[in-house]
Amino acid sequence: MKSRRALDVADRQRIVDFMAQGINPGFALDFSDEDTTDRLRFMVGLIFMSPEFLWR
């Protein structure tokens, strides 16, 4: 079984803040908006580059 490592709470909050862009992060995102879909792509890249994702 592979071991798992949770994303650091502070790092997770930075990713949530990035996606929220100053808006309440509890609001539903409008995925028909081009800015939202662009941020989503960049968010996935941020997660892929995180030390927790790369840790084995």
PDB file of N, CA and C in Angstrom:
ATOM      1  N   MET A   1       0.836  -1.182   0.000  1.00  0.00           N
ATOM      2  CA  MET A   1       0.000   0.000   0.000  1.00  0.00           C
ATOM      3  C   MET A   1       0.883   1.248   0.000  1.00  0.00           C
ATOM      4  N   LYS A   2       0.519   2.210  -0.811  1.00  0.00           N
ATOM      5  CA  LYS A   2       1.288   3.450  -0.882  1.00  0.00           C
ATOM      6  C   LYS A   2       0.967   4.334   0.318  1.00  0.00           C
ATOM      7  N   SER A   3       1.996   4.999   0.818  1.00  0.00           N
ATOM      8  CA  SER A   3       1.742   5.943   1.901  1.00  0.00           C
ATOM      9  C   SER A   3       1.253   7.248   1.299  1.00  0.00           C
ATOM     10  N   ARG A   4       0.436   7.943   2.057  1.00  0.00           N
ATOM     11  CA  ARG A   4      -0.114   9.215   1.583  1.00  0.00           C
ATOM     12  C   ARG A   4       0.323  10.317   2.514  1.00  0.00           C
ATOM     13  N   ARG A   5       0.481  11.473   1.954  1.00  0.00           N
ATOM     14  CA  ARG A   5       0.885  12.625   2.738  1.00  0.00           C
ATOM     15  C   ARG A   5      -0.080  13.759   2.416  1.00  0.00           C
ATOM     16  N   ALA A   6      -0.718  14.283   3.447  1.00  0.00           N
ATOM     17  CA  ALA A   6      -1.700  15.352   3.250  1.00  0.00           C
ATOM     18  C   ALA A   6      -1.004  16.654   2.900  1.00  0.00           C
ATOM     19  N   LEU A   7      -1.696  17.464   2.136  1.00  0.00           N
ATOM     20  CA  LEU A   7      -1.204  18.791   1.793  1.00  0.00           C
ATOM     21  C   LEU A   7      -1.174  19.636   3.062  1.00  0.00           C
ATOM     22  N   ASP A   8      -0.098  20.368   3.255  1.00  0.00           N
ATOM     23  CA  ASP A   8       0.039  21.240   4.412  1.00  0.00           C
ATOM     24  C   ASP A   8      -1.147  22.207   4.458  1.00  0.00           C
ATOM     25  N   VAL A   9      -1.665  22.468   5.655  1.00  0.00           N
ATOM     26  CA  VAL A   9      -2.847  23.313   5.814  1.00  0.00           C
ATOM     27  C   VAL A   9      -2.620  24.708   5.214  1.00  0.00           C
ATOM     28  N   ALA A  10      -1.468  25.302   5.464  1.00  0.00           N
ATOM     29  CA  ALA A  10      -1.176  26.639   4.932  1.00  0.00           C
ATOM     30  C   ALA A  10      -1.085  26.610   3.404  1.00  0.00           C
ATOM     31  N   ASP A  11      -0.475  25.580   2.854  1.00  0.00           N
ATOM     32  CA  ASP A  11      -0.376  25.459   1.394  1.00  0.00           C
ATOM     33  C   ASP A  11      -1.755  25.250   0.773  1.00  0.00           C
ATOM     34  N   ARG A  12      -2.568  24.434   1.428  1.00  0.00           N
ATOM     35  CA  ARG A  12      -3.931  24.210   0.943  1.00  0.00           C
ATOM     36  C   ARG A  12      -4.712  25.520   0.938  1.00  0.00           C
ATOM     37  N   GLN A  13      -4.562  26.314   1.981  1.00  0.00           N
ATOM     38  CA  GLN A  13      -5.277  27.581   2.055  1.00  0.00           C
ATOM     39  C   GLN A  13      -4.836  28.539   0.955  1.00  0.00           C
ATOM     40  N   ARG A  14      -3.560  28.519   0.636  1.00  0.00           N
ATOM     41  CA  ARG A  14      -3.077  29.372  -0.457  1.00  0.00           C
ATOM     42  C   ARG A  14      -3.706  28.966  -1.793  1.00  0.00           C
ATOM     43  N   ILE A  15      -3.880  27.674  -2.007  1.00  0.00           N
ATOM     44  CA  ILE A  15      -4.511  27.193  -3.236  1.00  0.00           C
ATOM     45  C   ILE A  15      -5.987  27.591  -3.261  1.00  0.00           C
ATOM     46  N   VAL A  16      -6.665  27.454  -2.120  1.00  0.00           N
ATOM     47  CA  VAL A  16      -8.073  27.862  -2.038  1.00  0.00           C
ATOM     48  C   VAL A  16      -8.197  29.360  -2.299  1.00  0.00           C
ATOM     49  N   ASP A  17      -7.325  30.162  -1.694  1.00  0.00           N
ATOM     50  CA  ASP A  17      -7.348  31.612  -1.898  1.00  0.00           C
ATOM     51  C   ASP A  17      -7.083  31.969  -3.362  1.00  0.00           C
ATOM     52  N   PHE A  18      -6.175  31.241  -3.990  1.00  0.00           N
ATOM     53  CA  PHE A  18      -5.878  31.470  -5.408  1.00  0.00           C
ATOM     54  C   PHE A  18      -7.132  31.257  -6.255  1.00  0.00           C
ATOM     55  N   MET A  19      -7.848  30.169  -6.003  1.00  0.00           N
ATOM     56  CA  MET A  19      -9.058  29.896  -6.779  1.00  0.00           C
ATOM     57  C   MET A  19     -10.172  30.873  -6.444  1.00  0.00           C
ATOM     58  N   ALA A  20     -10.283  31.283  -5.187  1.00  0.00           N
ATOM     59  CA  ALA A  20     -11.373  32.171  -4.764  1.00  0.00           C
ATOM     60  C   ALA A  20     -11.197  33.594  -5.294  1.00  0.00           C
ATOM     61  N   GLN A  21      -9.955  34.047  -5.476  1.00  0.00           N
ATOM     62  CA  GLN A  21      -9.679  35.393  -5.978  1.00  0.00           C
ATOM     63  C   GLN A  21     -10.426  36.468  -5.193  1.00  0.00           C
ATOM     64  N   GLY A  22     -10.379  36.367  -3.842  1.00  0.00           N
ATOM     65  CA  GLY A  22     -10.987  37.375  -2.993  1.00  0.00           C
ATOM     66  C   GLY A  22     -12.484  37.212  -2.771  1.00  0.00           C
ATOM     67  N   ILE A  23     -13.062  36.180  -3.332  1.00  0.00           N
ATOM     68  CA  ILE A  23     -14.492  35.904  -3.160  1.00  0.00           C
ATOM     69  C   ILE A  23     -14.626  34.766  -2.152  1.00  0.00           C
ATOM     70  N   ASN A  24     -15.751  34.684  -1.500  1.00  0.00           N
ATOM     71  CA  ASN A  24     -16.008  33.619  -0.528  1.00  0.00           C
ATOM     72  C   ASN A  24     -15.726  32.266  -1.183  1.00  0.00           C
ATOM     73  N   PRO A  25     -14.777  31.501  -0.633  1.00  0.00           N
ATOM     74  CA  PRO A  25     -14.432  30.209  -1.256  1.00  0.00           C
ATOM     75  C   PRO A  25     -15.552  29.178  -1.179  1.00  0.00           C
ATOM     76  N   GLY A  26     -16.600  29.471  -0.416  1.00  0.00           N
ATOM     77  CA  GLY A  26     -17.736  28.554  -0.333  1.00  0.00           C
ATOM     78  C   GLY A  26     -18.709  28.697  -1.492  1.00  0.00           C
ATOM     79  N   PHE A  27     -18.573  29.770  -2.284  1.00  0.00           N
ATOM     80  CA  PHE A  27     -19.456  29.975  -3.429  1.00  0.00           C
ATOM     81  C   PHE A  27     -19.109  28.986  -4.541  1.00  0.00           C
ATOM     82  N   ALA A  28     -20.130  28.606  -5.279  1.00  0.00           N
ATOM     83  CA  ALA A  28     -19.914  27.718  -6.421  1.00  0.00           C
ATOM     84  C   ALA A  28     -19.184  28.489  -7.523  1.00  0.00           C
ATOM     85  N   LEU A  29     -18.252  27.830  -8.171  1.00  0.00           N
ATOM     86  CA  LEU A  29     -17.507  28.451  -9.263  1.00  0.00           C
ATOM     87  C   LEU A  29     -18.292  28.341 -10.558  1.00  0.00           C
ATOM     88  N   ASP A  30     -18.172  29.365 -11.388  1.00  0.00           N
ATOM     89  CA  ASP A  30     -18.805  29.379 -12.703  1.00  0.00           C
ATOM     90  C   ASP A  30     -17.795  28.850 -13.716  1.00  0.00           C
ATOM     91  N   PHE A  31     -17.919  27.581 -14.077  1.00  0.00           N
ATOM     92  CA  PHE A  31     -16.950  26.962 -14.974  1.00  0.00           C
ATOM     93  C   PHE A  31     -17.164  27.344 -16.440  1.00  0.00           C
ATOM     94  N   SER A  32     -18.213  28.121 -16.714  1.00  0.00           N
ATOM     95  CA  SER A  32     -18.375  28.629 -18.073  1.00  0.00           C
ATOM     96  C   SER A  32     -17.550  29.902 -18.272  1.00  0.00           C
ATOM     97  N   ASP A  33     -17.032  30.463 -17.176  1.00  0.00           N
ATOM     98  CA  ASP A  33     -16.198  31.660 -17.223  1.00  0.00           C
ATOM     99  C   ASP A  33     -14.759  31.270 -17.566  1.00  0.00           C
ATOM    100  N   GLU A  34     -14.201  31.908 -18.573  1.00  0.00           N
ATOM    101  CA  GLU A  34     -12.855  31.569 -19.038  1.00  0.00           C
ATOM    102  C   GLU A  34     -11.793  31.815 -17.962  1.00  0.00           C
ATOM    103  N   ASP A  35     -11.934  32.889 -17.177  1.00  0.00           N
ATOM    104  CA  ASP A  35     -10.968  33.161 -16.110  1.00  0.00           C
ATOM    105  C   ASP A  35     -10.959  32.041 -15.070  1.00  0.00           C
ATOM    106  N   THR A  36     -12.142  31.529 -14.744  1.00  0.00           N
ATOM    107  CA  THR A  36     -12.239  30.442 -13.765  1.00  0.00           C
ATOM    108  C   THR A  36     -11.573  29.185 -14.296  1.00  0.00           C
ATOM    109  N   THR A  37     -11.828  28.843 -15.540  1.00  0.00           N
ATOM    110  CA  THR A  37     -11.211  27.626 -16.085  1.00  0.00           C
ATOM    111  C   THR A  37      -9.699  27.782 -16.212  1.00  0.00           C
ATOM    112  N   ASP A  38      -9.228  28.996 -16.513  1.00  0.00           N
ATOM    113  CA  ASP A  38      -7.778  29.224 -16.547  1.00  0.00           C
ATOM    114  C   ASP A  38      -7.168  29.047 -15.161  1.00  0.00           C
ATOM    115  N   ARG A  39      -7.825  29.622 -14.148  1.00  0.00           N
ATOM    116  CA  ARG A  39      -7.316  29.469 -12.771  1.00  0.00           C
ATOM    117  C   ARG A  39      -7.328  28.007 -12.346  1.00  0.00           C
ATOM    118  N   LEU A  40      -8.336  27.261 -12.781  1.00  0.00           N
ATOM    119  CA  LEU A  40      -8.412  25.842 -12.450  1.00  0.00           C
ATOM    120  C   LEU A  40      -7.212  25.092 -13.030  1.00  0.00           C
ATOM    121  N   ARG A  41      -6.864  25.402 -14.270  1.00  0.00           N
ATOM    122  CA  ARG A  41      -5.696  24.756 -14.893  1.00  0.00           C
ATOM    123  C   ARG A  41      -4.415  25.091 -14.116  1.00  0.00           C
ATOM    124  N   PHE A  42      -4.262  26.368 -13.752  1.00  0.00           N
ATOM    125  CA  PHE A  42      -3.079  26.768 -12.995  1.00  0.00           C
ATOM    126  C   PHE A  42      -3.072  26.140 -11.599  1.00  0.00           C
ATOM    127  N   MET A  43      -4.261  25.991 -10.990  1.00  0.00           N
ATOM    128  CA  MET A  43      -4.348  25.369  -9.675  1.00  0.00           C
ATOM    129  C   MET A  43      -3.858  23.921  -9.731  1.00  0.00           C
ATOM    130  N   VAL A  44      -4.264  23.201 -10.761  1.00  0.00           N
ATOM    131  CA  VAL A  44      -3.814  21.811 -10.915  1.00  0.00           C
ATOM    132  C   VAL A  44      -2.295  21.780 -11.054  1.00  0.00           C
ATOM    133  N   GLY A  45      -1.739  22.711 -11.819  1.00  0.00           N
ATOM    134  CA  GLY A  45      -0.280  22.803 -11.952  1.00  0.00           C
ATOM    135  C   GLY A  45       0.392  23.075 -10.619  1.00  0.00           C
ATOM    136  N   LEU A  46      -0.198  23.966  -9.808  1.00  0.00           N
ATOM    137  CA  LEU A  46       0.364  24.251  -8.491  1.00  0.00           C
ATOM    138  C   LEU A  46       0.378  22.998  -7.616  1.00  0.00           C
ATOM    139  N   ILE A  47      -0.710  22.247  -7.673  1.00  0.00           N
ATOM    140  CA  ILE A  47      -0.779  21.014  -6.876  1.00  0.00           C
ATOM    141  C   ILE A  47       0.265  20.019  -7.363  1.00  0.00           C
ATOM    142  N   PHE A  48       0.411  19.882  -8.674  1.00  0.00           N
ATOM    143  CA  PHE A  48       1.395  18.947  -9.225  1.00  0.00           C
ATOM    144  C   PHE A  48       2.825  19.317  -8.841  1.00  0.00           C
ATOM    145  N   MET A  49       3.084  20.606  -8.647  1.00  0.00           N
ATOM    146  CA  MET A  49       4.431  21.048  -8.284  1.00  0.00           C
ATOM    147  C   MET A  49       4.675  21.082  -6.774  1.00  0.00           C
ATOM    148  N   SER A  50       3.647  20.803  -5.996  1.00  0.00           N
ATOM    149  CA  SER A  50       3.807  20.864  -4.545  1.00  0.00           C
ATOM    150  C   SER A  50       4.694  19.727  -4.050  1.00  0.00           C
ATOM    151  N   PRO A  51       5.460  19.973  -3.011  1.00  0.00           N
ATOM    152  CA  PRO A  51       6.331  18.910  -2.458  1.00  0.00           C
ATOM    153  C   PRO A  51       5.527  17.700  -2.004  1.00  0.00           C
ATOM    154  N   GLU A  52       4.309  17.920  -1.499  1.00  0.00           N
ATOM    155  CA  GLU A  52       3.489  16.800  -1.035  1.00  0.00           C
ATOM    156  C   GLU A  52       3.070  15.904  -2.196  1.00  0.00           C
ATOM    157  N   PHE A  53       2.854  16.487  -3.366  1.00  0.00           N
ATOM    158  CA  PHE A  53       2.479  15.669  -4.524  1.00  0.00           C
ATOM    159  C   PHE A  53       3.677  14.884  -5.027  1.00  0.00           C
ATOM    160  N   LEU A  54       4.856  15.496  -4.973  1.00  0.00           N
ATOM    161  CA  LEU A  54       6.055  14.844  -5.485  1.00  0.00           C
ATOM    162  C   LEU A  54       6.673  13.860  -4.499  1.00  0.00           C
ATOM    163  N   TRP A  55       6.274  13.941  -3.232  1.00  0.00           N
ATOM    164  CA  TRP A  55       6.853  13.086  -2.194  1.00  0.00           C
ATOM    165  C   TRP A  55       6.456  11.632  -2.424  1.00  0.00           C
ATOM    166  N   ARG A  56       7.409  10.748  -2.278  1.00  0.00           N
ATOM    167  CA  ARG A  56       7.123   9.304  -2.433  1.00  0.00           C
ATOM    168  C   ARG A  56       7.610   8.555  -1.242  1.00  0.00           C
TER     169      ARG A  56
END
